[in-house]
Amino acid sequence: MMIVSVVSMPGGTIARTGLAEARERLAASDFLLVDVQLPDDPAAEGTPVVTGLGLASESPPWFGRAGEPARAEFLGDRIGLVVPVVEGEDFVHIHVLVTERHLLMLHRGPAVPLERLMARLGHESPADTAALLFLLLQGALDTFRRATVADVLAVEDLEDEMFERRRPEQVYRLARLRRRAARLHHSLLPYLQAMDEILTRRMMNRAFPRERQRMAGEFQSTGRLVLTDIQSLQEATRRAFATYSSLVSGEQNGVINRLAIVSTIFLPLTFLTGYFGMNFSYLTDEMESKAVFWLLAVGLQVVSLFAALYILHRTRIWRRLRDDDGLEDV
């Protein structure tokens, strides 16, 4: 179901209308915001919407079309944008058409930034469509910032859990966070590059008002900060994977050390067993007494065992392993 919201500016009065009434108000008003929420069905294109609003000649051919990437185009006296917005685990692309008289937004499904924008209009009181546009763009960047901060905190919590107890599902969660960071980066970077190109070109024009230059500069600075936050999230996921690998390597080293201790203890015992199992004349002819057998066969093994344990204790290997076990149990 299509929902058309018309906001009278600068008062910020919101009214739900149909396409015909919104078209009449667009023709009569000098400052108007029109928000159109399309059905989630990708087959519902935006072309009939802009035609019904009487803006088909002003809108670019891609405007309102499903699957369009983030973009920014300067069209003489108007600007066409596809603005990415983070909506939970998904990304929503808002199509924006801005002229000197009105601002039209098309999107599929609800968009939280637009709801926040509607709530702020009464307090911000933008003077024109350019100020209104930058409010919308800042709101879209805020969704990326909030999502990035939440994901960074999730990565840090995972690292704390790893040090307490390492579990295989932590790798899966880290992989999802790493993919999330990549999606945030790939969604925001092309959009910022397109916006930087168009804003830089406009700000170089001497006719570009100073107030709009200030808003454009603030947007570009905020965009770079958000992009830096996303890069920090990517670095945090890489660091978390390195932490997990280090913990796995530490556990493997502990297992290898235990195997080395076992080998150190049983190697002389194995040698003595093999030696006294040989059938040469001295062992078979001369060592006929059971006392001699028990003294040499068992006594030497006991002496070798205690010697091995003493050496391990003196070299602190045993103590280090014991301390490692105590840390794992904490």
C-alpha atoms as a PDB file:
ATOM      1  CA  MET A   1       0.000   0.000   0.000  1.00  0.00           C
ATOM      2  CA  MET A   2       1.353   3.421  -1.009  1.00  0.00           C
ATOM      3  CA  ILE A   3       1.526   6.065   1.733  1.00  0.00           C
ATOM      4  CA  VAL A   4       1.907   9.711   0.696  1.00  0.00           C
ATOM      5  CA  SER A   5       2.868  12.230   3.396  1.00  0.00           C
ATOM      6  CA  VAL A   6       2.940  15.956   2.654  1.00  0.00           C
ATOM      7  CA  VAL A   7       4.795  18.248   5.062  1.00  0.00           C
ATOM      8  CA  SER A   8       4.046  21.958   4.866  1.00  0.00           C
ATOM      9  CA  MET A   9       7.180  23.985   5.474  1.00  0.00           C
ATOM     10  CA  PRO A  10       8.513  25.744   7.411  1.00  0.00           C
ATOM     11  CA  GLY A  11       5.889  24.831  10.023  1.00  0.00           C
ATOM     12  CA  GLY A  12       6.401  21.064   9.688  1.00  0.00           C
ATOM     13  CA  THR A  13       2.682  20.162   9.581  1.00  0.00           C
ATOM     14  CA  ILE A  14       2.275  16.575   8.346  1.00  0.00           C
ATOM     15  CA  ALA A  15      -0.766  15.396   6.396  1.00  0.00           C
ATOM     16  CA  ARG A  16      -1.559  12.071   4.689  1.00  0.00           C
ATOM     17  CA  THR A  17      -2.908  12.603   1.174  1.00  0.00           C
ATOM     18  CA  GLY A  18      -3.271  10.942  -2.189  1.00  0.00           C
ATOM     19  CA  LEU A  19      -1.206  11.577  -5.293  1.00  0.00           C
ATOM     20  CA  ALA A  20      -3.754  13.974  -6.788  1.00  0.00           C
ATOM     21  CA  GLU A  21      -3.924  16.211  -3.720  1.00  0.00           C
ATOM     22  CA  ALA A  22      -0.138  16.102  -3.301  1.00  0.00           C
ATOM     23  CA  ARG A  23       0.201  17.204  -6.937  1.00  0.00           C
ATOM     24  CA  GLU A  24      -2.070  20.178  -6.343  1.00  0.00           C
ATOM     25  CA  ARG A  25      -0.143  21.226  -3.250  1.00  0.00           C
ATOM     26  CA  LEU A  26       3.180  20.893  -5.089  1.00  0.00           C
ATOM     27  CA  ALA A  27       1.918  23.240  -7.761  1.00  0.00           C
ATOM     28  CA  ALA A  28       0.604  25.791  -5.239  1.00  0.00           C
ATOM     29  CA  SER A  29       3.285  25.762  -2.515  1.00  0.00           C
ATOM     30  CA  ASP A  30       6.774  27.270  -2.648  1.00  0.00           C
ATOM     31  CA  PHE A  31       8.264  25.025   0.056  1.00  0.00           C
ATOM     32  CA  LEU A  32       6.953  21.502   0.439  1.00  0.00           C
ATOM     33  CA  LEU A  33       8.219  18.074   1.464  1.00  0.00           C
ATOM     34  CA  VAL A  34       6.552  15.018  -0.046  1.00  0.00           C
ATOM     35  CA  ASP A  35       7.387  11.567   1.257  1.00  0.00           C
ATOM     36  CA  VAL A  36       6.087   8.540  -0.655  1.00  0.00           C
ATOM     37  CA  GLN A  37       6.393   5.086   0.892  1.00  0.00           C
ATOM     38  CA  LEU A  38       6.076   2.476  -1.842  1.00  0.00           C
ATOM     39  CA  PRO A  39       5.053  -1.136  -1.250  1.00  0.00           C
ATOM     40  CA  ASP A  40       7.851  -3.620  -0.617  1.00  0.00           C
ATOM     41  CA  ASP A  41       7.047  -5.329  -3.928  1.00  0.00           C
ATOM     42  CA  PRO A  42       9.956  -4.530  -6.296  1.00  0.00           C
ATOM     43  CA  ALA A  43       7.495  -4.526  -9.203  1.00  0.00           C
ATOM     44  CA  ALA A  44       6.022  -1.259  -7.894  1.00  0.00           C
ATOM     45  CA  GLU A  45       8.102   1.304  -9.770  1.00  0.00           C
ATOM     46  CA  GLY A  46       8.412   4.970  -8.942  1.00  0.00           C
ATOM     47  CA  THR A  47       7.674   6.210 -12.482  1.00  0.00           C
ATOM     48  CA  PRO A  48       3.866   6.197 -12.057  1.00  0.00           C
ATOM     49  CA  VAL A  49       4.369   8.048  -8.769  1.00  0.00           C
ATOM     50  CA  VAL A  50       6.354  10.942 -10.242  1.00  0.00           C
ATOM     51  CA  THR A  51       3.923  11.034 -13.165  1.00  0.00           C
ATOM     52  CA  GLY A  52       1.001  11.284 -10.753  1.00  0.00           C
ATOM     53  CA  LEU A  53       2.793  14.100  -8.913  1.00  0.00           C
ATOM     54  CA  GLY A  54       3.478  15.952 -12.139  1.00  0.00           C
ATOM     55  CA  LEU A  55       7.258  15.646 -11.775  1.00  0.00           C
ATOM     56  CA  ALA A  56       8.010  13.224 -14.608  1.00  0.00           C
ATOM     57  CA  SER A  57       9.780  15.919 -16.631  1.00  0.00           C
ATOM     58  CA  GLU A  58      11.925  16.963 -13.670  1.00  0.00           C
ATOM     59  CA  SER A  59      12.988  13.552 -12.382  1.00  0.00           C
ATOM     60  CA  PRO A  60      15.843  11.552 -13.950  1.00  0.00           C
ATOM     61  CA  PRO A  61      14.949   8.244 -15.662  1.00  0.00           C
ATOM     62  CA  TRP A  62      16.367   6.132 -12.805  1.00  0.00           C
ATOM     63  CA  PHE A  63      14.378   7.933 -10.109  1.00  0.00           C
ATOM     64  CA  GLY A  64      12.249   5.534  -8.054  1.00  0.00           C
ATOM     65  CA  ARG A  65      13.498   2.444  -9.858  1.00  0.00           C
ATOM     66  CA  ALA A  66      14.201  -0.577  -7.648  1.00  0.00           C
ATOM     67  CA  GLY A  67      17.786  -1.792  -7.284  1.00  0.00           C
ATOM     68  CA  GLU A  68      19.452   1.535  -8.054  1.00  0.00           C
ATOM     69  CA  PRO A  69      22.892   2.015  -6.426  1.00  0.00           C
ATOM     70  CA  ALA A  70      23.834   5.020  -4.323  1.00  0.00           C
ATOM     71  CA  ARG A  71      24.333   8.039  -6.541  1.00  0.00           C
ATOM     72  CA  ALA A  72      24.265  11.839  -6.693  1.00  0.00           C
ATOM     73  CA  GLU A  73      23.576  13.815  -9.877  1.00  0.00           C
ATOM     74  CA  PHE A  74      23.384  17.554 -10.401  1.00  0.00           C
ATOM     75  CA  LEU A  75      20.700  18.266 -12.997  1.00  0.00           C
ATOM     76  CA  GLY A  76      20.984  21.998 -13.465  1.00  0.00           C
ATOM     77  CA  ASP A  77      18.343  23.498 -11.197  1.00  0.00           C
ATOM     78  CA  ARG A  78      17.719  20.261  -9.261  1.00  0.00           C
ATOM     79  CA  ILE A  79      19.579  17.357  -7.691  1.00  0.00           C
ATOM     80  CA  GLY A  80      18.759  13.633  -7.835  1.00  0.00           C
ATOM     81  CA  LEU A  81      20.086  11.367  -5.106  1.00  0.00           C
ATOM     82  CA  VAL A  82      19.941   7.749  -4.007  1.00  0.00           C
ATOM     83  CA  VAL A  83      20.806   7.853  -0.307  1.00  0.00           C
ATOM     84  CA  PRO A  84      21.724   4.614   1.531  1.00  0.00           C
ATOM     85  CA  VAL A  85      20.292   4.177   5.015  1.00  0.00           C
ATOM     86  CA  VAL A  86      20.950   1.427   7.579  1.00  0.00           C
ATOM     87  CA  GLU A  87      17.703  -0.172   8.687  1.00  0.00           C
ATOM     88  CA  GLY A  88      18.452  -2.906  11.229  1.00  0.00           C
ATOM     89  CA  GLU A  89      20.393  -5.618   9.402  1.00  0.00           C
ATOM     90  CA  ASP A  90      19.359  -4.327   5.975  1.00  0.00           C
ATOM     91  CA  PHE A  91      20.039  -1.277   3.829  1.00  0.00           C
ATOM     92  CA  VAL A  92      17.313   0.958   2.435  1.00  0.00           C
ATOM     93  CA  HIS A  93      17.902   3.285  -0.519  1.00  0.00           C
ATOM     94  CA  ILE A  94      15.927   6.537  -0.414  1.00  0.00           C
ATOM     95  CA  HIS A  95      15.421   8.305  -3.736  1.00  0.00           C
ATOM     96  CA  VAL A  96      15.494  12.078  -3.297  1.00  0.00           C
ATOM     97  CA  LEU A  97      14.626  14.786  -5.825  1.00  0.00           C
ATOM     98  CA  VAL A  98      15.406  18.339  -4.689  1.00  0.00           C
ATOM     99  CA  THR A  99      14.469  21.588  -6.407  1.00  0.00           C
ATOM    100  CA  GLU A 100      14.324  25.138  -5.126  1.00  0.00           C
ATOM    101  CA  ARG A 101      10.617  24.673  -4.313  1.00  0.00           C
ATOM    102  CA  HIS A 102      10.143  21.116  -3.082  1.00  0.00           C
ATOM    103  CA  LEU A 103      11.819  17.939  -1.891  1.00  0.00           C
ATOM    104  CA  LEU A 104      10.425  14.561  -2.954  1.00  0.00           C
ATOM    105  CA  MET A 105      11.445  11.264  -1.314  1.00  0.00           C
ATOM    106  CA  LEU A 106      10.607   7.755  -2.526  1.00  0.00           C
ATOM    107  CA  HIS A 107      11.418   4.597  -0.574  1.00  0.00           C
ATOM    108  CA  ARG A 108      10.158   1.059  -0.132  1.00  0.00           C
ATOM    109  CA  GLY A 109       8.986   0.182   3.342  1.00  0.00           C
ATOM    110  CA  PRO A 110       9.363   2.363   6.436  1.00  0.00           C
ATOM    111  CA  ALA A 111      12.547   4.359   6.916  1.00  0.00           C
ATOM    112  CA  VAL A 112      13.518   5.385  10.434  1.00  0.00           C
ATOM    113  CA  PRO A 113      15.677   8.400   9.372  1.00  0.00           C
ATOM    114  CA  LEU A 114      12.646   9.932   7.684  1.00  0.00           C
ATOM    115  CA  GLU A 115      10.587   9.477  10.822  1.00  0.00           C
ATOM    116  CA  ARG A 116      13.323  11.193  12.851  1.00  0.00           C
ATOM    117  CA  LEU A 117      13.511  13.929  10.235  1.00  0.00           C
ATOM    118  CA  MET A 118       9.766  14.522  10.460  1.00  0.00           C
ATOM    119  CA  ALA A 119      10.062  14.797  14.256  1.00  0.00           C
ATOM    120  CA  ARG A 120      12.914  17.336  13.987  1.00  0.00           C
ATOM    121  CA  LEU A 121      11.321  19.641  11.440  1.00  0.00           C
ATOM    122  CA  GLY A 122       9.373  21.583  14.029  1.00  0.00           C
ATOM    123  CA  HIS A 123      12.537  22.254  16.042  1.00  0.00           C
ATOM    124  CA  GLU A 124      15.065  22.776  13.249  1.00  0.00           C
ATOM    125  CA  SER A 125      12.858  25.001  11.029  1.00  0.00           C
ATOM    126  CA  PRO A 126      14.952  24.703   7.819  1.00  0.00           C
ATOM    127  CA  ALA A 127      14.836  27.850   5.730  1.00  0.00           C
ATOM    128  CA  ASP A 128      14.772  26.204   2.311  1.00  0.00           C
ATOM    129  CA  THR A 129      14.955  22.858   0.537  1.00  0.00           C
ATOM    130  CA  ALA A 130      18.769  22.858   0.682  1.00  0.00           C
ATOM    131  CA  ALA A 131      18.757  23.045   4.492  1.00  0.00           C
ATOM    132  CA  LEU A 132      16.055  20.370   4.548  1.00  0.00           C
ATOM    133  CA  LEU A 133      18.156  18.164   2.279  1.00  0.00           C
ATOM    134  CA  PHE A 134      21.221  18.408   4.520  1.00  0.00           C
ATOM    135  CA  LEU A 135      19.084  17.502   7.538  1.00  0.00           C
ATOM    136  CA  LEU A 136      18.047  14.354   5.684  1.00  0.00           C
ATOM    137  CA  LEU A 137      21.615  13.546   4.646  1.00  0.00           C
ATOM    138  CA  GLN A 138      22.903  13.999   8.201  1.00  0.00           C
ATOM    139  CA  GLY A 139      20.135  11.698   9.447  1.00  0.00           C
ATOM    140  CA  ALA A 140      21.203   9.043   6.941  1.00  0.00           C
ATOM    141  CA  LEU A 141      24.824   9.300   8.141  1.00  0.00           C
ATOM    142  CA  ASP A 142      23.621   8.961  11.730  1.00  0.00           C
ATOM    143  CA  THR A 143      22.204   5.519  10.912  1.00  0.00           C
ATOM    144  CA  PHE A 144      25.642   4.385   9.743  1.00  0.00           C
ATOM    145  CA  ARG A 145      27.277   5.844  12.851  1.00  0.00           C
ATOM    146  CA  ARG A 146      24.862   4.154  15.259  1.00  0.00           C
ATOM    147  CA  ALA A 147      25.180   0.814  13.473  1.00  0.00           C
ATOM    148  CA  THR A 148      28.980   1.068  13.500  1.00  0.00           C
ATOM    149  CA  VAL A 149      29.171   1.915  17.206  1.00  0.00           C
ATOM    150  CA  ALA A 150      26.862  -0.976  18.070  1.00  0.00           C
ATOM    151  CA  ASP A 151      28.975  -3.386  16.009  1.00  0.00           C
ATOM    152  CA  VAL A 152      32.243  -2.165  17.563  1.00  0.00           C
ATOM    153  CA  LEU A 153      30.801  -2.800  21.020  1.00  0.00           C
ATOM    154  CA  ALA A 154      29.696  -6.272  19.878  1.00  0.00           C
ATOM    155  CA  VAL A 155      33.254  -7.058  18.706  1.00  0.00           C
ATOM    156  CA  GLU A 156      34.714  -5.913  22.030  1.00  0.00           C
ATOM    157  CA  ASP A 157      32.215  -8.058  23.944  1.00  0.00           C
ATOM    158  CA  LEU A 158      33.227 -11.033  21.805  1.00  0.00           C
ATOM    159  CA  GLU A 159      36.893 -10.449  22.606  1.00  0.00           C
ATOM    160  CA  ASP A 160      36.090 -10.412  26.324  1.00  0.00           C
ATOM    161  CA  GLU A 161      34.165 -13.680  25.945  1.00  0.00           C
ATOM    162  CA  MET A 162      37.127 -15.244  24.132  1.00  0.00           C
ATOM    163  CA  PHE A 163      39.479 -14.546  27.006  1.00  0.00           C
ATOM    164  CA  GLU A 164      36.974 -15.998  29.460  1.00  0.00           C
ATOM    165  CA  ARG A 165      36.196 -19.070  27.393  1.00  0.00           C
ATOM    166  CA  ARG A 166      36.809 -19.737  23.725  1.00  0.00           C
ATOM    167  CA  ARG A 167      33.893 -21.266  21.787  1.00  0.00           C
ATOM    168  CA  PRO A 168      33.539 -22.176  18.084  1.00  0.00           C
ATOM    169  CA  GLU A 169      30.376 -20.086  17.591  1.00  0.00           C
ATOM    170  CA  GLN A 170      32.412 -16.959  18.318  1.00  0.00           C
ATOM    171  CA  VAL A 171      34.134 -17.392  14.955  1.00  0.00           C
ATOM    172  CA  TYR A 172      30.747 -17.409  13.206  1.00  0.00           C
ATOM    173  CA  ARG A 173      29.676 -14.246  15.011  1.00  0.00           C
ATOM    174  CA  LEU A 174      32.953 -12.562  14.133  1.00  0.00           C
ATOM    175  CA  ALA A 175      32.546 -13.552  10.488  1.00  0.00           C
ATOM    176  CA  ARG A 176      29.086 -11.971  10.443  1.00  0.00           C
ATOM    177  CA  LEU A 177      30.430  -8.777  11.999  1.00  0.00           C
ATOM    178  CA  ARG A 178      33.274  -8.655   9.492  1.00  0.00           C
ATOM    179  CA  ARG A 179      30.801  -9.064   6.637  1.00  0.00           C
ATOM    180  CA  ARG A 180      28.613  -6.383   8.216  1.00  0.00           C
ATOM    181  CA  ALA A 181      31.580  -3.990   8.336  1.00  0.00           C
ATOM    182  CA  ALA A 182      32.333  -4.704   4.670  1.00  0.00           C
ATOM    183  CA  ARG A 183      28.707  -4.020   3.700  1.00  0.00           C
ATOM    184  CA  LEU A 184      28.692  -0.755   5.641  1.00  0.00           C
ATOM    185  CA  HIS A 185      31.890   0.317   3.922  1.00  0.00           C
ATOM    186  CA  HIS A 186      30.771  -0.730   0.426  1.00  0.00           C
ATOM    187  CA  SER A 187      27.411   1.006   0.879  1.00  0.00           C
ATOM    188  CA  LEU A 188      28.744   4.299   2.221  1.00  0.00           C
ATOM    189  CA  LEU A 189      31.966   4.838   0.271  1.00  0.00           C
ATOM    190  CA  PRO A 190      30.482   5.120  -3.285  1.00  0.00           C
ATOM    191  CA  TYR A 191      27.757   7.419  -1.964  1.00  0.00           C
ATOM    192  CA  LEU A 192      30.277   9.725  -0.248  1.00  0.00           C
ATOM    193  CA  GLN A 193      32.459   9.776  -3.356  1.00  0.00           C
ATOM    194  CA  ALA A 194      29.491  10.798  -5.510  1.00  0.00           C
ATOM    195  CA  MET A 195      28.432  13.444  -2.986  1.00  0.00           C
ATOM    196  CA  ASP A 196      31.982  14.825  -2.684  1.00  0.00           C
ATOM    197  CA  GLU A 197      32.191  15.173  -6.436  1.00  0.00           C
ATOM    198  CA  ILE A 198      28.924  17.072  -6.772  1.00  0.00           C
ATOM    199  CA  LEU A 199      29.422  19.213  -3.657  1.00  0.00           C
ATOM    200  CA  THR A 200      32.973  20.136  -4.560  1.00  0.00           C
ATOM    201  CA  ARG A 201      31.867  21.139  -8.025  1.00  0.00           C
ATOM    202  CA  ARG A 202      29.014  23.244  -6.643  1.00  0.00           C
ATOM    203  CA  MET A 203      31.086  24.873  -3.893  1.00  0.00           C
ATOM    204  CA  MET A 204      33.668  25.984  -6.446  1.00  0.00           C
ATOM    205  CA  ASN A 205      30.922  28.027  -8.064  1.00  0.00           C
ATOM    206  CA  ARG A 206      31.017  31.586  -6.722  1.00  0.00           C
ATOM    207  CA  ALA A 207      27.230  31.782  -6.917  1.00  0.00           C
ATOM    208  CA  PHE A 208      26.887  28.992  -4.355  1.00  0.00           C
ATOM    209  CA  PRO A 209      25.624  30.659  -1.131  1.00  0.00           C
ATOM    210  CA  ARG A 210      27.997  30.702   1.824  1.00  0.00           C
ATOM    211  CA  GLU A 211      25.444  29.088   4.166  1.00  0.00           C
ATOM    212  CA  ARG A 212      25.071  26.150   1.803  1.00  0.00           C
ATOM    213  CA  GLN A 213      28.848  25.876   1.582  1.00  0.00           C
ATOM    214  CA  ARG A 214      28.934  25.615   5.372  1.00  0.00           C
ATOM    215  CA  MET A 215      26.287  22.861   5.422  1.00  0.00           C
ATOM    216  CA  ALA A 216      28.047  21.007   2.627  1.00  0.00           C
ATOM    217  CA  GLY A 217      31.348  21.215   4.496  1.00  0.00           C
ATOM    218  CA  GLU A 218      29.739  19.870   7.670  1.00  0.00           C
ATOM    219  CA  PHE A 219      28.236  16.985   5.728  1.00  0.00           C
ATOM    220  CA  GLN A 220      31.569  16.106   4.138  1.00  0.00           C
ATOM    221  CA  SER A 221      33.345  16.230   7.511  1.00  0.00           C
ATOM    222  CA  THR A 222      30.694  14.031   9.118  1.00  0.00           C
ATOM    223  CA  GLY A 223      30.868  11.596   6.226  1.00  0.00           C
ATOM    224  CA  ARG A 224      34.631  11.226   6.598  1.00  0.00           C
ATOM    225  CA  LEU A 225      34.276  10.664  10.342  1.00  0.00           C
ATOM    226  CA  VAL A 226      31.646   7.970   9.827  1.00  0.00           C
ATOM    227  CA  LEU A 227      33.809   6.307   7.180  1.00  0.00           C
ATOM    228  CA  THR A 228      36.724   6.346   9.642  1.00  0.00           C
ATOM    229  CA  ASP A 229      34.489   4.693  12.245  1.00  0.00           C
ATOM    230  CA  ILE A 230      33.596   1.955   9.776  1.00  0.00           C
ATOM    231  CA  GLN A 231      37.277   1.405   9.004  1.00  0.00           C
ATOM    232  CA  SER A 232      37.891   1.148  12.753  1.00  0.00           C
ATOM    233  CA  LEU A 233      35.193  -1.515  12.890  1.00  0.00           C
ATOM    234  CA  GLN A 234      36.942  -3.449  10.123  1.00  0.00           C
ATOM    235  CA  GLU A 235      40.228  -3.190  12.007  1.00  0.00           C
ATOM    236  CA  ALA A 236      38.504  -4.340  15.213  1.00  0.00           C
ATOM    237  CA  THR A 237      37.154  -7.463  13.494  1.00  0.00           C
ATOM    238  CA  ARG A 238      40.615  -8.259  12.109  1.00  0.00           C
ATOM    239  CA  ARG A 239      42.105  -7.790  15.568  1.00  0.00           C
ATOM    240  CA  ALA A 240      39.452 -10.059  17.081  1.00  0.00           C
ATOM    241  CA  PHE A 241      40.241 -12.792  14.555  1.00  0.00           C
ATOM    242  CA  ALA A 242      43.934 -12.427  15.389  1.00  0.00           C
ATOM    243  CA  THR A 243      43.072 -12.723  19.090  1.00  0.00           C
ATOM    244  CA  TYR A 244      41.097 -15.902  18.441  1.00  0.00           C
ATOM    245  CA  SER A 245      43.986 -17.365  16.429  1.00  0.00           C
ATOM    246  CA  SER A 246      46.431 -16.502  19.215  1.00  0.00           C
ATOM    247  CA  LEU A 247      44.254 -18.250  21.789  1.00  0.00           C
ATOM    248  CA  VAL A 248      44.027 -21.344  19.575  1.00  0.00           C
ATOM    249  CA  SER A 249      47.811 -21.324  19.091  1.00  0.00           C
ATOM    250  CA  GLY A 250      48.312 -21.007  22.840  1.00  0.00           C
ATOM    251  CA  GLU A 251      46.118 -24.023  23.485  1.00  0.00           C
ATOM    252  CA  GLN A 252      47.938 -26.016  20.817  1.00  0.00           C
ATOM    253  CA  ASN A 253      51.279 -25.086  22.358  1.00  0.00           C
ATOM    254  CA  GLY A 254      49.993 -26.327  25.717  1.00  0.00           C
ATOM    255  CA  VAL A 255      49.023 -29.675  24.174  1.00  0.00           C
ATOM    256  CA  ILE A 256      52.433 -29.986  22.511  1.00  0.00           C
ATOM    257  CA  ASN A 257      54.177 -29.221  25.807  1.00  0.00           C
ATOM    258  CA  ARG A 258      52.183 -31.949  27.569  1.00  0.00           C
ATOM    259  CA  LEU A 259      53.077 -34.421  24.844  1.00  0.00           C
ATOM    260  CA  ALA A 260      56.733 -33.435  25.244  1.00  0.00           C
ATOM    261  CA  ILE A 261      56.536 -34.091  29.002  1.00  0.00           C
ATOM    262  CA  VAL A 262      54.937 -37.485  28.428  1.00  0.00           C
ATOM    263  CA  SER A 263      57.651 -38.312  25.887  1.00  0.00           C
ATOM    264  CA  THR A 264      60.362 -37.175  28.318  1.00  0.00           C
ATOM    265  CA  ILE A 265      58.993 -39.471  31.027  1.00  0.00           C
ATOM    266  CA  PHE A 266      58.358 -42.560  28.933  1.00  0.00           C
ATOM    267  CA  LEU A 267      61.316 -42.414  26.578  1.00  0.00           C
ATOM    268  CA  PRO A 268      63.832 -43.844  29.130  1.00  0.00           C
ATOM    269  CA  LEU A 269      61.220 -46.361  30.290  1.00  0.00           C
ATOM    270  CA  THR A 270      60.720 -47.487  26.696  1.00  0.00           C
ATOM    271  CA  PHE A 271      64.472 -47.804  26.276  1.00  0.00           C
ATOM    272  CA  LEU A 272      64.864 -49.934  29.401  1.00  0.00           C
ATOM    273  CA  THR A 273      61.935 -52.146  28.407  1.00  0.00           C
ATOM    274  CA  GLY A 274      63.414 -52.696  24.976  1.00  0.00           C
ATOM    275  CA  TYR A 275      66.885 -53.292  26.408  1.00  0.00           C
ATOM    276  CA  PHE A 276      65.853 -55.952  28.887  1.00  0.00           C
ATOM    277  CA  GLY A 277      63.674 -57.576  26.253  1.00  0.00           C
ATOM    278  CA  MET A 278      66.726 -58.492  24.151  1.00  0.00           C
ATOM    279  CA  ASN A 279      67.718 -62.155  23.977  1.00  0.00           C
ATOM    280  CA  PHE A 280      71.517 -62.052  24.112  1.00  0.00           C
ATOM    281  CA  SER A 281      73.634 -64.383  26.232  1.00  0.00           C
ATOM    282  CA  TYR A 282      74.403 -62.071  29.154  1.00  0.00           C
ATOM    283  CA  LEU A 283      70.770 -61.413  29.960  1.00  0.00           C
ATOM    284  CA  THR A 284      69.681 -65.011  29.427  1.00  0.00           C
ATOM    285  CA  ASP A 285      72.640 -66.784  31.089  1.00  0.00           C
ATOM    286  CA  GLU A 286      73.986 -64.475  33.802  1.00  0.00           C
ATOM    287  CA  MET A 287      70.853 -62.741  35.154  1.00  0.00           C
ATOM    288  CA  GLU A 288      69.093 -65.803  36.515  1.00  0.00           C
ATOM    289  CA  SER A 289      68.234 -64.356  39.946  1.00  0.00           C
ATOM    290  CA  LYS A 290      64.810 -62.744  40.414  1.00  0.00           C
ATOM    291  CA  ALA A 291      66.335 -60.198  42.799  1.00  0.00           C
ATOM    292  CA  VAL A 292      68.751 -59.055  40.125  1.00  0.00           C
ATOM    293  CA  PHE A 293      65.890 -58.845  37.609  1.00  0.00           C
ATOM    294  CA  TRP A 294      63.692 -56.731  39.875  1.00  0.00           C
ATOM    295  CA  LEU A 295      66.634 -54.547  40.846  1.00  0.00           C
ATOM    296  CA  LEU A 296      67.697 -53.811  37.297  1.00  0.00           C
ATOM    297  CA  ALA A 297      64.384 -53.938  35.415  1.00  0.00           C
ATOM    298  CA  VAL A 298      62.145 -52.180  37.905  1.00  0.00           C
ATOM    299  CA  GLY A 299      64.695 -50.224  39.899  1.00  0.00           C
ATOM    300  CA  LEU A 300      66.241 -48.593  36.860  1.00  0.00           C
ATOM    301  CA  GLN A 301      62.792 -47.578  35.587  1.00  0.00           C
ATOM    302  CA  VAL A 302      61.871 -46.025  38.946  1.00  0.00           C
ATOM    303  CA  VAL A 303      65.169 -44.164  39.051  1.00  0.00           C
ATOM    304  CA  SER A 304      64.677 -42.954  35.454  1.00  0.00           C
ATOM    305  CA  LEU A 305      61.136 -41.801  36.237  1.00  0.00           C
ATOM    306  CA  PHE A 306      62.216 -39.760  39.269  1.00  0.00           C
ATOM    307  CA  ALA A 307      65.172 -38.351  37.353  1.00  0.00           C
ATOM    308  CA  ALA A 308      62.866 -37.192  34.541  1.00  0.00           C
ATOM    309  CA  LEU A 309      60.446 -35.564  36.994  1.00  0.00           C
ATOM    310  CA  TYR A 310      63.323 -33.856  38.787  1.00  0.00           C
ATOM    311  CA  ILE A 311      64.678 -32.469  35.531  1.00  0.00           C
ATOM    312  CA  LEU A 312      61.225 -31.177  34.546  1.00  0.00           C
ATOM    313  CA  HIS A 313      60.838 -29.511  37.917  1.00  0.00           C
ATOM    314  CA  ARG A 314      64.254 -27.909  37.797  1.00  0.00           C
ATOM    315  CA  THR A 315      63.672 -26.521  34.304  1.00  0.00           C
ATOM    316  CA  ARG A 316      60.314 -25.015  35.445  1.00  0.00           C
ATOM    317  CA  ILE A 317      58.409 -26.672  32.612  1.00  0.00           C
ATOM    318  CA  TRP A 318      56.063 -28.445  35.012  1.00  0.00           C
ATOM    319  CA  ARG A 319      55.416 -25.245  36.982  1.00  0.00           C
ATOM    320  CA  ARG A 320      54.686 -23.283  33.829  1.00  0.00           C
ATOM    321  CA  LEU A 321      52.182 -25.876  32.631  1.00  0.00           C
ATOM    322  CA  ARG A 322      50.512 -25.883  36.017  1.00  0.00           C
ATOM    323  CA  ASP A 323      50.166 -22.094  35.892  1.00  0.00           C
ATOM    324  CA  ASP A 324      48.705 -22.280  32.386  1.00  0.00           C
ATOM    325  CA  ASP A 325      46.117 -24.775  33.535  1.00  0.00           C
ATOM    326  CA  GLY A 326      45.183 -22.464  36.401  1.00  0.00           C
ATOM    327  CA  LEU A 327      44.639 -19.565  33.967  1.00  0.00           C
ATOM    328  CA  GLU A 328      42.408 -21.701  31.742  1.00  0.00           C
ATOM    329  CA  ASP A 329      40.224 -22.648  34.699  1.00  0.00           C
ATOM    330  CA  VAL A 330      39.619 -19.020  35.722  1.00  0.00           C
END
